[in-house]
Amino acid sequence: MKEIDELYLSESGLVVFDIAAADEETAHQVMAELGRRWATSGVPALRRDPGAPGIRGRVYADIRRAGTEGQ
């Protein structure tokens, strides 16, 4: 996985979630729930890393802003 750019952690309230799950459905559910709570980058393309179990994805969030649930 690529390094996290400083830009995404440049202010208090900005976070990066690296998600690992056994299957795509589980990963999508977790990422969608994050999006309901906070403003996020949305559900990214998921990937499988050779030799590593499960699938992975990264979500960027601003926990100072409400997600779809707060609208």
Foldseek 3Di string as FASTA:
>chain_A
DDDDDVVQVVDPQKDKDKDFDQEDVVLQVVQVVLQQAFPKPGWDDWADDPPDHGIIDMMITRNVGGHNNVD
